[in-house]
Amino acid sequence: MIVAHLIGGNEVKVKIKGKLETINEGVVIINGEQLETRYEDLANVCGNISLGDLDTSVGIRRDAEDVQRDYIELVQDFDDEIGEDFVIDNHLTAEVCYSEYEIDIETKTLTLKIDIYN
């Protein structure tokens, strides 16, 4: 699974005082470093690109750079003002090794911690 699919393919909901609330504000930390881009901005972009639109397979004729290039094109099809740096700087096509969510119920924010393969 790639980072973009983890962020865009999930909606985080928590029951607070009997009411189901969507948590979409927060931060993302990848390999111990907090991204400058907020979780909600990443979720907005990644969530608008269907999981099936990107072939993430790699092999003899297709490598990680091909996946990254294809995802950049999908992001720019969604919003042509978003540059390739958005995908690269936020590690959106990196393979996820492990992830966890920490949710602060009082502030209704989350911290998404992701470890990726280097």
C-alpha atoms as a PDB file:
ATOM      1  CA  MET A   1       0.000   0.000   0.000  1.00  0.00           C
ATOM      2  CA  ILE A   2       1.253   3.487  -0.787  1.00  0.00           C
ATOM      3  CA  VAL A   3       0.909   6.545   1.457  1.00  0.00           C
ATOM      4  CA  ALA A   4      -1.672   8.180  -0.831  1.00  0.00           C
ATOM      5  CA  HIS A   5      -3.939   5.134  -0.632  1.00  0.00           C
ATOM      6  CA  LEU A   6      -3.641   4.994   3.155  1.00  0.00           C
ATOM      7  CA  ILE A   7      -4.575   8.653   3.531  1.00  0.00           C
ATOM      8  CA  GLY A   8      -7.172   8.856   0.778  1.00  0.00           C
ATOM      9  CA  GLY A   9      -8.765   5.457   1.297  1.00  0.00           C
ATOM     10  CA  ASN A  10      -9.752   5.961   4.932  1.00  0.00           C
ATOM     11  CA  GLU A  11     -12.202   8.120   6.779  1.00  0.00           C
ATOM     12  CA  VAL A  12     -11.594   8.391  10.512  1.00  0.00           C
ATOM     13  CA  LYS A  13     -14.725   8.468  12.664  1.00  0.00           C
ATOM     14  CA  VAL A  14     -15.002   8.443  16.442  1.00  0.00           C
ATOM     15  CA  LYS A  15     -18.031   8.251  18.677  1.00  0.00           C
ATOM     16  CA  ILE A  16     -17.965  11.223  21.045  1.00  0.00           C
ATOM     17  CA  LYS A  17     -20.744  11.469  23.645  1.00  0.00           C
ATOM     18  CA  GLY A  18     -22.876   9.100  21.597  1.00  0.00           C
ATOM     19  CA  LYS A  19     -22.440  11.066  18.358  1.00  0.00           C
ATOM     20  CA  LEU A  20     -20.331   9.801  15.459  1.00  0.00           C
ATOM     21  CA  GLU A  21     -17.827  12.492  14.438  1.00  0.00           C
ATOM     22  CA  THR A  22     -15.494  12.586  11.438  1.00  0.00           C
ATOM     23  CA  ILE A  23     -11.931  13.505  12.358  1.00  0.00           C
ATOM     24  CA  ASN A  24     -10.207  15.157   9.409  1.00  0.00           C
ATOM     25  CA  GLU A  25      -7.864  17.727  10.960  1.00  0.00           C
ATOM     26  CA  GLY A  26      -4.380  16.857  12.065  1.00  0.00           C
ATOM     27  CA  VAL A  27      -0.816  16.127  11.102  1.00  0.00           C
ATOM     28  CA  VAL A  28       1.090  13.385   9.327  1.00  0.00           C
ATOM     29  CA  ILE A  29       4.468  12.155  10.521  1.00  0.00           C
ATOM     30  CA  ILE A  30       6.522  10.000   8.158  1.00  0.00           C
ATOM     31  CA  ASN A  31       9.596   8.178   9.471  1.00  0.00           C
ATOM     32  CA  GLY A  32       9.627  10.512  12.470  1.00  0.00           C
ATOM     33  CA  GLU A  33       9.381  13.791  10.519  1.00  0.00           C
ATOM     34  CA  GLN A  34       6.217  15.881  10.475  1.00  0.00           C
ATOM     35  CA  LEU A  35       5.061  16.906   7.012  1.00  0.00           C
ATOM     36  CA  GLU A  36       4.397  20.570   6.314  1.00  0.00           C
ATOM     37  CA  THR A  37       1.144  19.684   4.559  1.00  0.00           C
ATOM     38  CA  ARG A  38      -1.813  19.180   6.899  1.00  0.00           C
ATOM     39  CA  TYR A  39      -3.670  15.877   7.061  1.00  0.00           C
ATOM     40  CA  GLU A  40      -6.904  17.437   5.815  1.00  0.00           C
ATOM     41  CA  ASP A  41      -5.213  18.815   2.683  1.00  0.00           C
ATOM     42  CA  LEU A  42      -3.605  15.460   1.925  1.00  0.00           C
ATOM     43  CA  ALA A  43      -6.895  13.636   2.535  1.00  0.00           C
ATOM     44  CA  ASN A  44      -8.715  16.041   0.220  1.00  0.00           C
ATOM     45  CA  VAL A  45      -6.352  15.390  -2.678  1.00  0.00           C
ATOM     46  CA  CYS A  46      -5.721  11.687  -2.099  1.00  0.00           C
ATOM     47  CA  GLY A  47      -9.377  11.007  -1.341  1.00  0.00           C
ATOM     48  CA  ASN A  48     -10.438  12.390  -4.704  1.00  0.00           C
ATOM     49  CA  ILE A  49      -8.291   9.960  -6.657  1.00  0.00           C
ATOM     50  CA  SER A  50      -9.823   6.509  -6.896  1.00  0.00           C
ATOM     51  CA  LEU A  51      -7.719   3.686  -5.489  1.00  0.00           C
ATOM     52  CA  GLY A  52      -8.166   1.794  -8.758  1.00  0.00           C
ATOM     53  CA  ASP A  53      -6.850   4.632 -10.936  1.00  0.00           C
ATOM     54  CA  LEU A  54      -3.193   3.919 -10.156  1.00  0.00           C
ATOM     55  CA  ASP A  55      -1.303   0.769 -11.024  1.00  0.00           C
ATOM     56  CA  THR A  56       1.125   0.384  -8.115  1.00  0.00           C
ATOM     57  CA  SER A  57       2.718  -2.791  -9.399  1.00  0.00           C
ATOM     58  CA  VAL A  58       6.434  -2.729 -10.063  1.00  0.00           C
ATOM     59  CA  GLY A  59       8.512  -5.211 -11.971  1.00  0.00           C
ATOM     60  CA  ILE A  60      10.844  -5.563 -14.897  1.00  0.00           C
ATOM     61  CA  ARG A  61       9.090  -2.969 -17.077  1.00  0.00           C
ATOM     62  CA  ARG A  62       7.666  -0.722 -14.371  1.00  0.00           C
ATOM     63  CA  ASP A  63       9.475   0.765 -11.387  1.00  0.00           C
ATOM     64  CA  ALA A  64       8.697   3.106  -8.469  1.00  0.00           C
ATOM     65  CA  GLU A  65       9.484   6.164 -10.623  1.00  0.00           C
ATOM     66  CA  ASP A  66       6.773   5.099 -13.087  1.00  0.00           C
ATOM     67  CA  VAL A  67       4.275   4.836 -10.223  1.00  0.00           C
ATOM     68  CA  GLN A  68       5.285   8.272  -8.984  1.00  0.00           C
ATOM     69  CA  ARG A  69       5.005   9.827 -12.460  1.00  0.00           C
ATOM     70  CA  ASP A  70       1.553   8.292 -12.967  1.00  0.00           C
ATOM     71  CA  TYR A  71       0.345   9.526  -9.583  1.00  0.00           C
ATOM     72  CA  ILE A  72       1.629  13.042 -10.298  1.00  0.00           C
ATOM     73  CA  GLU A  73      -0.455  13.008 -13.490  1.00  0.00           C
ATOM     74  CA  LEU A  74      -3.548  11.882 -11.558  1.00  0.00           C
ATOM     75  CA  VAL A  75      -3.034  14.624  -8.962  1.00  0.00           C
ATOM     76  CA  GLN A  76      -2.613  17.252 -11.678  1.00  0.00           C
ATOM     77  CA  ASP A  77      -5.748  15.974 -13.432  1.00  0.00           C
ATOM     78  CA  PHE A  78      -7.571  16.576 -10.135  1.00  0.00           C
ATOM     79  CA  ASP A  79      -6.033  20.038  -9.626  1.00  0.00           C
ATOM     80  CA  ASP A  80      -3.659  21.404 -12.236  1.00  0.00           C
ATOM     81  CA  GLU A  81      -2.243  23.936  -9.767  1.00  0.00           C
ATOM     82  CA  ILE A  82      -0.680  21.195  -7.662  1.00  0.00           C
ATOM     83  CA  GLY A  83       2.919  20.579  -8.670  1.00  0.00           C
ATOM     84  CA  GLU A  84       4.922  17.390  -8.626  1.00  0.00           C
ATOM     85  CA  ASP A  85       6.643  18.572  -5.431  1.00  0.00           C
ATOM     86  CA  PHE A  86       3.367  17.956  -3.569  1.00  0.00           C
ATOM     87  CA  VAL A  87       3.568  14.244  -4.400  1.00  0.00           C
ATOM     88  CA  ILE A  88       7.321  13.961  -3.846  1.00  0.00           C
ATOM     89  CA  ASP A  89       7.617  16.047  -0.649  1.00  0.00           C
ATOM     90  CA  ASN A  90       4.705  14.229   0.983  1.00  0.00           C
ATOM     91  CA  HIS A  91       5.990  10.762  -0.011  1.00  0.00           C
ATOM     92  CA  LEU A  92       2.597   9.922  -1.530  1.00  0.00           C
ATOM     93  CA  THR A  93       3.875   7.028  -3.642  1.00  0.00           C
ATOM     94  CA  ALA A  94       6.140   5.521  -0.972  1.00  0.00           C
ATOM     95  CA  GLU A  95       5.304   2.017   0.252  1.00  0.00           C
ATOM     96  CA  VAL A  96       3.846   1.903   3.759  1.00  0.00           C
ATOM     97  CA  CYS A  97       5.587  -0.380   6.220  1.00  0.00           C
ATOM     98  CA  TYR A  98       3.469   0.480   9.302  1.00  0.00           C
ATOM     99  CA  SER A  99       0.977   3.141  10.355  1.00  0.00           C
ATOM    100  CA  GLU A 100      -1.001   4.216  13.380  1.00  0.00           C
ATOM    101  CA  TYR A 101      -3.513   6.911  14.241  1.00  0.00           C
ATOM    102  CA  GLU A 102      -3.550   8.827  17.505  1.00  0.00           C
ATOM    103  CA  ILE A 103      -6.777  10.730  18.076  1.00  0.00           C
ATOM    104  CA  ASP A 104      -7.233  13.610  20.511  1.00  0.00           C
ATOM    105  CA  ILE A 105     -10.926  13.503  21.367  1.00  0.00           C
ATOM    106  CA  GLU A 106     -10.932  16.924  23.042  1.00  0.00           C
ATOM    107  CA  THR A 107      -9.479  18.821  20.061  1.00  0.00           C
ATOM    108  CA  LYS A 108     -10.939  16.441  17.442  1.00  0.00           C
ATOM    109  CA  THR A 109      -7.564  16.130  15.733  1.00  0.00           C
ATOM    110  CA  LEU A 110      -5.459  13.196  14.689  1.00  0.00           C
ATOM    111  CA  THR A 111      -1.838  12.362  14.270  1.00  0.00           C
ATOM    112  CA  LEU A 112      -1.107   9.821  11.579  1.00  0.00           C
ATOM    113  CA  LYS A 113       2.276   8.191  12.018  1.00  0.00           C
ATOM    114  CA  ILE A 114       3.613   6.284   9.019  1.00  0.00           C
ATOM    115  CA  ASP A 115       6.783   4.318   8.548  1.00  0.00           C
ATOM    116  CA  ILE A 116       7.776   3.865   4.929  1.00  0.00           C
ATOM    117  CA  TYR A 117      10.334   1.704   3.193  1.00  0.00           C
ATOM    118  CA  ASN A 118      13.352   3.709   2.068  1.00  0.00           C
END
